[in-house]
Amino acid sequence: MATFWDYFSVLAPSVGLALVFWLVMRSVFRVDTGEREAKAVLEEREARKWASERAERGAYGAPAGERTTAAGERPAAEQE
């Protein structure tokens, strides 16, 4: 039985340290997964907001109903 305790006293610290390392790494990966999911939700929300604002402004970024050229300037006939 003394041999068992000799082996146990040698292996226990390594097994305990491996268990602590595994628990820490598992928590890190779970936090990372949660952050990625939250970031994806936020980016989706921002993309929808941007798309709705762009749709309201029109194709070239001008307010709806205002005519613009491809460069975003008003046509020469409308300039004062």
PDB file of N, CA and C in Angstrom:
ATOM      1  N   MET A   1       0.815  -1.187   0.000  1.00  0.00           N
ATOM      2  CA  MET A   1       0.000   0.000   0.000  1.00  0.00           C
ATOM      3  C   MET A   1       0.860   1.254   0.000  1.00  0.00           C
ATOM      4  N   ALA A   2       2.046   1.156   0.512  1.00  0.00           N
ATOM      5  CA  ALA A   2       2.945   2.316   0.547  1.00  0.00           C
ATOM      6  C   ALA A   2       3.323   2.737  -0.863  1.00  0.00           C
ATOM      7  N   THR A   3       3.419   1.759  -1.774  1.00  0.00           N
ATOM      8  CA  THR A   3       3.768   2.081  -3.146  1.00  0.00           C
ATOM      9  C   THR A   3       2.666   2.929  -3.795  1.00  0.00           C
ATOM     10  N   PHE A   4       1.415   2.596  -3.488  1.00  0.00           N
ATOM     11  CA  PHE A   4       0.300   3.369  -4.032  1.00  0.00           C
ATOM     12  C   PHE A   4       0.410   4.834  -3.622  1.00  0.00           C
ATOM     13  N   TRP A   5       0.674   5.088  -2.351  1.00  0.00           N
ATOM     14  CA  TRP A   5       0.747   6.464  -1.859  1.00  0.00           C
ATOM     15  C   TRP A   5       1.954   7.194  -2.433  1.00  0.00           C
ATOM     16  N   ASP A   6       2.994   6.468  -2.721  1.00  0.00           N
ATOM     17  CA  ASP A   6       4.162   7.095  -3.359  1.00  0.00           C
ATOM     18  C   ASP A   6       3.787   7.577  -4.765  1.00  0.00           C
ATOM     19  N   TYR A   7       3.141   6.699  -5.514  1.00  0.00           N
ATOM     20  CA  TYR A   7       2.715   7.084  -6.872  1.00  0.00           C
ATOM     21  C   TYR A   7       1.663   8.199  -6.823  1.00  0.00           C
ATOM     22  N   PHE A   8       0.748   8.086  -5.895  1.00  0.00           N
ATOM     23  CA  PHE A   8      -0.296   9.092  -5.764  1.00  0.00           C
ATOM     24  C   PHE A   8       0.293  10.458  -5.445  1.00  0.00           C
ATOM     25  N   SER A   9       1.249  10.503  -4.525  1.00  0.00           N
ATOM     26  CA  SER A   9       1.847  11.782  -4.152  1.00  0.00           C
ATOM     27  C   SER A   9       2.644  12.398  -5.303  1.00  0.00           C
ATOM     28  N   VAL A  10       3.123  11.569  -6.211  1.00  0.00           N
ATOM     29  CA  VAL A  10       3.855  12.081  -7.365  1.00  0.00           C
ATOM     30  C   VAL A  10       2.890  12.556  -8.461  1.00  0.00           C
ATOM     31  N   LEU A  11       1.812  11.802  -8.697  1.00  0.00           N
ATOM     32  CA  LEU A  11       0.907  12.107  -9.801  1.00  0.00           C
ATOM     33  C   LEU A  11      -0.197  13.110  -9.446  1.00  0.00           C
ATOM     34  N   ALA A  12      -0.582  13.214  -8.204  1.00  0.00           N
ATOM     35  CA  ALA A  12      -1.694  14.077  -7.807  1.00  0.00           C
ATOM     36  C   ALA A  12      -1.488  15.543  -8.200  1.00  0.00           C
ATOM     37  N   PRO A  13      -0.317  16.141  -7.972  1.00  0.00           N
ATOM     38  CA  PRO A  13      -0.164  17.545  -8.374  1.00  0.00           C
ATOM     39  C   PRO A  13      -0.316  17.758  -9.885  1.00  0.00           C
ATOM     40  N   SER A  14       0.204  16.832 -10.676  1.00  0.00           N
ATOM     41  CA  SER A  14       0.086  16.969 -12.129  1.00  0.00           C
ATOM     42  C   SER A  14      -1.357  16.826 -12.583  1.00  0.00           C
ATOM     43  N   VAL A  15      -2.067  15.875 -12.034  1.00  0.00           N
ATOM     44  CA  VAL A  15      -3.469  15.674 -12.384  1.00  0.00           C
ATOM     45  C   VAL A  15      -4.305  16.872 -11.923  1.00  0.00           C
ATOM     46  N   GLY A  16      -4.025  17.365 -10.745  1.00  0.00           N
ATOM     47  CA  GLY A  16      -4.747  18.534 -10.237  1.00  0.00           C
ATOM     48  C   GLY A  16      -4.490  19.771 -11.088  1.00  0.00           C
ATOM     49  N   LEU A  17      -3.248  19.979 -11.478  1.00  0.00           N
ATOM     50  CA  LEU A  17      -2.912  21.120 -12.323  1.00  0.00           C
ATOM     51  C   LEU A  17      -3.562  20.991 -13.699  1.00  0.00           C
ATOM     52  N   ALA A  18      -3.587  19.786 -14.241  1.00  0.00           N
ATOM     53  CA  ALA A  18      -4.233  19.557 -15.529  1.00  0.00           C
ATOM     54  C   ALA A  18      -5.727  19.848 -15.433  1.00  0.00           C
ATOM     55  N   LEU A  19      -6.352  19.474 -14.342  1.00  0.00           N
ATOM     56  CA  LEU A  19      -7.773  19.744 -14.140  1.00  0.00           C
ATOM     57  C   LEU A  19      -8.035  21.248 -14.053  1.00  0.00           C
ATOM     58  N   VAL A  20      -7.219  21.957 -13.308  1.00  0.00           N
ATOM     59  CA  VAL A  20      -7.374  23.414 -13.207  1.00  0.00           C
ATOM     60  C   VAL A  20      -7.171  24.061 -14.575  1.00  0.00           C
ATOM     61  N   PHE A  21      -6.164  23.636 -15.326  1.00  0.00           N
ATOM     62  CA  PHE A  21      -5.907  24.172 -16.659  1.00  0.00           C
ATOM     63  C   PHE A  21      -7.111  23.925 -17.569  1.00  0.00           C
ATOM     64  N   TRP A  22      -7.662  22.737 -17.510  1.00  0.00           N
ATOM     65  CA  TRP A  22      -8.817  22.391 -18.346  1.00  0.00           C
ATOM     66  C   TRP A  22     -10.011  23.281 -18.001  1.00  0.00           C
ATOM     67  N   LEU A  23     -10.268  23.507 -16.711  1.00  0.00           N
ATOM     68  CA  LEU A  23     -11.381  24.347 -16.291  1.00  0.00           C
ATOM     69  C   LEU A  23     -11.191  25.794 -16.757  1.00  0.00           C
ATOM     70  N   VAL A  24      -9.991  26.306 -16.641  1.00  0.00           N
ATOM     71  CA  VAL A  24      -9.714  27.681 -17.078  1.00  0.00           C
ATOM     72  C   VAL A  24      -9.897  27.809 -18.585  1.00  0.00           C
ATOM     73  N   MET A  25      -9.360  26.886 -19.344  1.00  0.00           N
ATOM     74  CA  MET A  25      -9.478  26.949 -20.799  1.00  0.00           C
ATOM     75  C   MET A  25     -10.938  26.802 -21.238  1.00  0.00           C
ATOM     76  N   ARG A  26     -11.689  25.954 -20.569  1.00  0.00           N
ATOM     77  CA  ARG A  26     -13.102  25.788 -20.910  1.00  0.00           C
ATOM     78  C   ARG A  26     -13.857  27.082 -20.679  1.00  0.00           C
ATOM     79  N   SER A  27     -13.573  27.760 -19.574  1.00  0.00           N
ATOM     80  CA  SER A  27     -14.265  29.028 -19.306  1.00  0.00           C
ATOM     81  C   SER A  27     -13.856  30.104 -20.311  1.00  0.00           C
ATOM     82  N   VAL A  28     -12.593  30.118 -20.716  1.00  0.00           N
ATOM     83  CA  VAL A  28     -12.135  31.085 -21.718  1.00  0.00           C
ATOM     84  C   VAL A  28     -12.852  30.856 -23.037  1.00  0.00           C
ATOM     85  N   PHE A  29     -12.957  29.625 -23.468  1.00  0.00           N
ATOM     86  CA  PHE A  29     -13.628  29.337 -24.734  1.00  0.00           C
ATOM     87  C   PHE A  29     -15.124  29.635 -24.669  1.00  0.00           C
ATOM     88  N   ARG A  30     -15.741  29.402 -23.522  1.00  0.00           N
ATOM     89  CA  ARG A  30     -17.168  29.712 -23.399  1.00  0.00           C
ATOM     90  C   ARG A  30     -17.400  31.218 -23.436  1.00  0.00           C
ATOM     91  N   VAL A  31     -16.537  31.976 -22.800  1.00  0.00           N
ATOM     92  CA  VAL A  31     -16.659  33.436 -22.831  1.00  0.00           C
ATOM     93  C   VAL A  31     -16.452  33.936 -24.251  1.00  0.00           C
ATOM     94  N   ASP A  32     -15.464  33.384 -24.953  1.00  0.00           N
ATOM     95  CA  ASP A  32     -15.185  33.791 -26.328  1.00  0.00           C
ATOM     96  C   ASP A  32     -16.381  33.502 -27.229  1.00  0.00           C
ATOM     97  N   THR A  33     -17.007  32.359 -27.048  1.00  0.00           N
ATOM     98  CA  THR A  33     -18.174  32.010 -27.846  1.00  0.00           C
ATOM     99  C   THR A  33     -19.316  32.993 -27.581  1.00  0.00           C
ATOM    100  N   GLY A  34     -19.520  33.335 -26.331  1.00  0.00           N
ATOM    101  CA  GLY A  34     -20.563  34.300 -25.985  1.00  0.00           C
ATOM    102  C   GLY A  34     -20.294  35.668 -26.584  1.00  0.00           C
ATOM    103  N   GLU A  35     -19.027  36.095 -26.559  1.00  0.00           N
ATOM    104  CA  GLU A  35     -18.678  37.384 -27.150  1.00  0.00           C
ATOM    105  C   GLU A  35     -18.906  37.382 -28.653  1.00  0.00           C
ATOM    106  N   ARG A  36     -18.547  36.300 -29.306  1.00  0.00           N
ATOM    107  CA  ARG A  36     -18.748  36.219 -30.755  1.00  0.00           C
ATOM    108  C   ARG A  36     -20.230  36.273 -31.111  1.00  0.00           C
ATOM    109  N   GLU A  37     -21.062  35.604 -30.341  1.00  0.00           N
ATOM    110  CA  GLU A  37     -22.500  35.637 -30.597  1.00  0.00           C
ATOM    111  C   GLU A  37     -23.056  37.041 -30.374  1.00  0.00           C
ATOM    112  N   ALA A  38     -22.622  37.700 -29.307  1.00  0.00           N
ATOM    113  CA  ALA A  38     -23.087  39.058 -29.028  1.00  0.00           C
ATOM    114  C   ALA A  38     -22.622  40.020 -30.118  1.00  0.00           C
ATOM    115  N   LYS A  39     -21.402  39.853 -30.581  1.00  0.00           N
ATOM    116  CA  LYS A  39     -20.880  40.723 -31.637  1.00  0.00           C
ATOM    117  C   LYS A  39     -21.643  40.507 -32.936  1.00  0.00           C
ATOM    118  N   ALA A  40     -21.982  39.275 -33.246  1.00  0.00           N
ATOM    119  CA  ALA A  40     -22.739  38.987 -34.462  1.00  0.00           C
ATOM    120  C   ALA A  40     -24.117  39.630 -34.403  1.00  0.00           C
ATOM    121  N   VAL A  41     -24.762  39.583 -33.253  1.00  0.00           N
ATOM    122  CA  VAL A  41     -26.076  40.207 -33.092  1.00  0.00           C
ATOM    123  C   VAL A  41     -25.955  41.718 -33.260  1.00  0.00           C
ATOM    124  N   LEU A  42     -24.936  42.315 -32.654  1.00  0.00           N
ATOM    125  CA  LEU A  42     -24.729  43.757 -32.762  1.00  0.00           C
ATOM    126  C   LEU A  42     -24.437  44.166 -34.197  1.00  0.00           C
ATOM    127  N   GLU A  43     -23.592  43.425 -34.885  1.00  0.00           N
ATOM    128  CA  GLU A  43     -23.270  43.757 -36.273  1.00  0.00           C
ATOM    129  C   GLU A  43     -24.491  43.615 -37.174  1.00  0.00           C
ATOM    130  N   GLU A  44     -25.322  42.617 -36.921  1.00  0.00           N
ATOM    131  CA  GLU A  44     -26.551  42.450 -37.703  1.00  0.00           C
ATOM    132  C   GLU A  44     -27.490  43.631 -37.478  1.00  0.00           C
ATOM    133  N   ARG A  45     -27.610  44.059 -36.240  1.00  0.00           N
ATOM    134  CA  ARG A  45     -28.459  45.210 -35.917  1.00  0.00           C
ATOM    135  C   ARG A  45     -27.936  46.474 -36.605  1.00  0.00           C
ATOM    136  N   GLU A  46     -26.628  46.695 -36.559  1.00  0.00           N
ATOM    137  CA  GLU A  46     -26.041  47.869 -37.204  1.00  0.00           C
ATOM    138  C   GLU A  46     -26.203  47.807 -38.723  1.00  0.00           C
ATOM    139  N   ALA A  47     -26.075  46.628 -39.301  1.00  0.00           N
ATOM    140  CA  ALA A  47     -26.239  46.485 -40.750  1.00  0.00           C
ATOM    141  C   ALA A  47     -27.675  46.797 -41.167  1.00  0.00           C
ATOM    142  N   ARG A  48     -28.649  46.327 -40.384  1.00  0.00           N
ATOM    143  CA  ARG A  48     -30.044  46.625 -40.707  1.00  0.00           C
ATOM    144  C   ARG A  48     -30.328  48.121 -40.576  1.00  0.00           C
ATOM    145  N   LYS A  49     -29.760  48.754 -39.536  1.00  0.00           N
ATOM    146  CA  LYS A  49     -29.945  50.194 -39.348  1.00  0.00           C
ATOM    147  C   LYS A  49     -29.328  50.954 -40.516  1.00  0.00           C
ATOM    148  N   TRP A  50     -28.117  50.588 -40.905  1.00  0.00           N
ATOM    149  CA  TRP A  50     -27.436  51.244 -42.017  1.00  0.00           C
ATOM    150  C   TRP A  50     -28.232  51.079 -43.310  1.00  0.00           C
ATOM    151  N   ALA A  51     -28.735  49.869 -43.548  1.00  0.00           N
ATOM    152  CA  ALA A  51     -29.496  49.610 -44.770  1.00  0.00           C
ATOM    153  C   ALA A  51     -30.786  50.426 -44.793  1.00  0.00           C
ATOM    154  N   SER A  52     -31.459  50.531 -43.666  1.00  0.00           N
ATOM    155  CA  SER A  52     -32.702  51.314 -43.643  1.00  0.00           C
ATOM    156  C   SER A  52     -32.409  52.795 -43.828  1.00  0.00           C
ATOM    157  N   GLU A  53     -31.321  53.297 -43.239  1.00  0.00           N
ATOM    158  CA  GLU A  53     -30.952  54.697 -43.437  1.00  0.00           C
ATOM    159  C   GLU A  53     -30.569  54.955 -44.885  1.00  0.00           C
ATOM    160  N   ARG A  54     -29.867  54.029 -45.484  1.00  0.00           N
ATOM    161  CA  ARG A  54     -29.470  54.201 -46.878  1.00  0.00           C
ATOM    162  C   ARG A  54     -30.692  54.175 -47.793  1.00  0.00           C
ATOM    163  N   ALA A  55     -31.650  53.308 -47.479  1.00  0.00           N
ATOM    164  CA  ALA A  55     -32.871  53.242 -48.291  1.00  0.00           C
ATOM    165  C   ALA A  55     -33.660  54.546 -48.184  1.00  0.00           C
ATOM    166  N   GLU A  56     -33.644  55.156 -47.004  1.00  0.00           N
ATOM    167  CA  GLU A  56     -34.346  56.422 -46.822  1.00  0.00           C
ATOM    168  C   GLU A  56     -33.670  57.554 -47.584  1.00  0.00           C
ATOM    169  N   ARG A  57     -32.327  57.543 -47.659  1.00  0.00           N
ATOM    170  CA  ARG A  57     -31.591  58.609 -48.320  1.00  0.00           C
ATOM    171  C   ARG A  57     -31.598  58.481 -49.829  1.00  0.00           C
ATOM    172  N   GLY A  58     -31.812  57.325 -50.353  1.00  0.00           N
ATOM    173  CA  GLY A  58     -31.777  57.123 -51.789  1.00  0.00           C
ATOM    174  C   GLY A  58     -30.458  56.488 -52.202  1.00  0.00           C
ATOM    175  N   ALA A  59     -30.294  56.299 -53.500  1.00  0.00           N
ATOM    176  CA  ALA A  59     -29.155  55.554 -54.019  1.00  0.00           C
ATOM    177  C   ALA A  59     -27.825  56.247 -53.775  1.00  0.00           C
ATOM    178  N   TYR A  60     -27.772  57.587 -53.862  1.00  0.00           N
ATOM    179  CA  TYR A  60     -26.489  58.286 -53.772  1.00  0.00           C
ATOM    180  C   TYR A  60     -26.300  59.020 -52.453  1.00  0.00           C
ATOM    181  N   GLY A  61     -27.106  58.732 -51.484  1.00  0.00           N
ATOM    182  CA  GLY A  61     -26.937  59.329 -50.171  1.00  0.00           C
ATOM    183  C   GLY A  61     -27.663  60.645 -49.991  1.00  0.00           C
ATOM    184  N   ALA A  62     -28.431  61.082 -50.966  1.00  0.00           N
ATOM    185  CA  ALA A  62     -29.195  62.320 -50.838  1.00  0.00           C
ATOM    186  C   ALA A  62     -30.546  62.003 -50.216  1.00  0.00           C
ATOM    187  N   PRO A  63     -31.171  62.972 -49.593  1.00  0.00           N
ATOM    188  CA  PRO A  63     -32.511  62.729 -49.053  1.00  0.00           C
ATOM    189  C   PRO A  63     -33.467  62.320 -50.161  1.00  0.00           C
ATOM    190  N   ALA A  64     -34.442  61.528 -49.823  1.00  0.00           N
ATOM    191  CA  ALA A  64     -35.396  61.038 -50.820  1.00  0.00           C
ATOM    192  C   ALA A  64     -36.084  62.215 -51.494  1.00  0.00           C
ATOM    193  N   GLY A  65     -36.207  62.160 -52.803  1.00  0.00           N
ATOM    194  CA  GLY A  65     -36.859  63.211 -53.558  1.00  0.00           C
ATOM    195  C   GLY A  65     -35.901  64.236 -54.134  1.00  0.00           C
ATOM    196  N   GLU A  66     -34.688  64.309 -53.665  1.00  0.00           N
ATOM    197  CA  GLU A  66     -33.709  65.262 -54.191  1.00  0.00           C
ATOM    198  C   GLU A  66     -32.900  64.583 -55.279  1.00  0.00           C
ATOM    199  N   ARG A  67     -32.789  65.204 -56.421  1.00  0.00           N
ATOM    200  CA  ARG A  67     -32.062  64.613 -57.547  1.00  0.00           C
ATOM    201  C   ARG A  67     -30.571  64.861 -57.379  1.00  0.00           C
ATOM    202  N   THR A  68     -29.772  63.839 -57.674  1.00  0.00           N
ATOM    203  CA  THR A  68     -28.324  63.969 -57.623  1.00  0.00           C
ATOM    204  C   THR A  68     -27.718  63.270 -58.815  1.00  0.00           C
ATOM    205  N   THR A  69     -26.442  63.610 -59.089  1.00  0.00           N
ATOM    206  CA  THR A  69     -25.704  62.909 -60.126  1.00  0.00           C
ATOM    207  C   THR A  69     -25.001  61.723 -59.494  1.00  0.00           C
ATOM    208  N   ALA A  70     -24.300  60.953 -60.299  1.00  0.00           N
ATOM    209  CA  ALA A  70     -23.595  59.784 -59.781  1.00  0.00           C
ATOM    210  C   ALA A  70     -22.535  60.173 -58.772  1.00  0.00           C
ATOM    211  N   ALA A  71     -21.962  61.380 -58.904  1.00  0.00           N
ATOM    212  CA  ALA A  71     -20.928  61.827 -57.981  1.00  0.00           C
ATOM    213  C   ALA A  71     -21.518  62.382 -56.693  1.00  0.00           C
ATOM    214  N   GLY A  72     -22.863  62.445 -56.617  1.00  0.00           N
ATOM    215  CA  GLY A  72     -23.497  62.927 -55.406  1.00  0.00           C
ATOM    216  C   GLY A  72     -23.755  64.421 -55.429  1.00  0.00           C
ATOM    217  N   GLU A  73     -23.504  65.102 -56.558  1.00  0.00           N
ATOM    218  CA  GLU A  73     -23.729  66.535 -56.665  1.00  0.00           C
ATOM    219  C   GLU A  73     -25.085  66.782 -57.310  1.00  0.00           C
ATOM    220  N   ARG A  74     -25.630  67.961 -57.049  1.00  0.00           N
ATOM    221  CA  ARG A  74     -26.874  68.319 -57.707  1.00  0.00           C
ATOM    222  C   ARG A  74     -26.576  68.644 -59.161  1.00  0.00           C
ATOM    223  N   PRO A  75     -27.496  68.353 -60.069  1.00  0.00           N
ATOM    224  CA  PRO A  75     -27.292  68.698 -61.480  1.00  0.00           C
ATOM    225  C   PRO A  75     -27.071  70.199 -61.649  1.00  0.00           C
ATOM    226  N   ALA A  76     -26.319  70.584 -62.678  1.00  0.00           N
ATOM    227  CA  ALA A  76     -25.948  71.983 -62.910  1.00  0.00           C
ATOM    228  C   ALA A  76     -27.159  72.873 -63.050  1.00  0.00           C
ATOM    229  N   ALA A  77     -28.245  72.408 -63.629  1.00  0.00           N
ATOM    230  CA  ALA A  77     -29.442  73.228 -63.835  1.00  0.00           C
ATOM    231  C   ALA A  77     -30.078  73.614 -62.504  1.00  0.00           C
ATOM    232  N   GLU A  78     -29.878  72.796 -61.451  1.00  0.00           N
ATOM    233  CA  GLU A  78     -30.509  73.076 -60.163  1.00  0.00           C
ATOM    234  C   GLU A  78     -29.623  73.906 -59.256  1.00  0.00           C
ATOM    235  N   GLN A  79     -28.346  74.072 -59.576  1.00  0.00           N
ATOM    236  CA  GLN A  79     -27.447  74.818 -58.720  1.00  0.00           C
ATOM    237  C   GLN A  79     -27.704  76.302 -58.878  1.00  0.00           C
ATOM    238  N   GLU A  80     -27.546  77.064 -57.810  1.00  0.00           N
ATOM    239  CA  GLU A  80     -27.808  78.488 -57.863  1.00  0.00           C
ATOM    240  C   GLU A  80     -26.530  79.269 -57.890  1.00  0.00           C
TER     241      GLU A  80
END
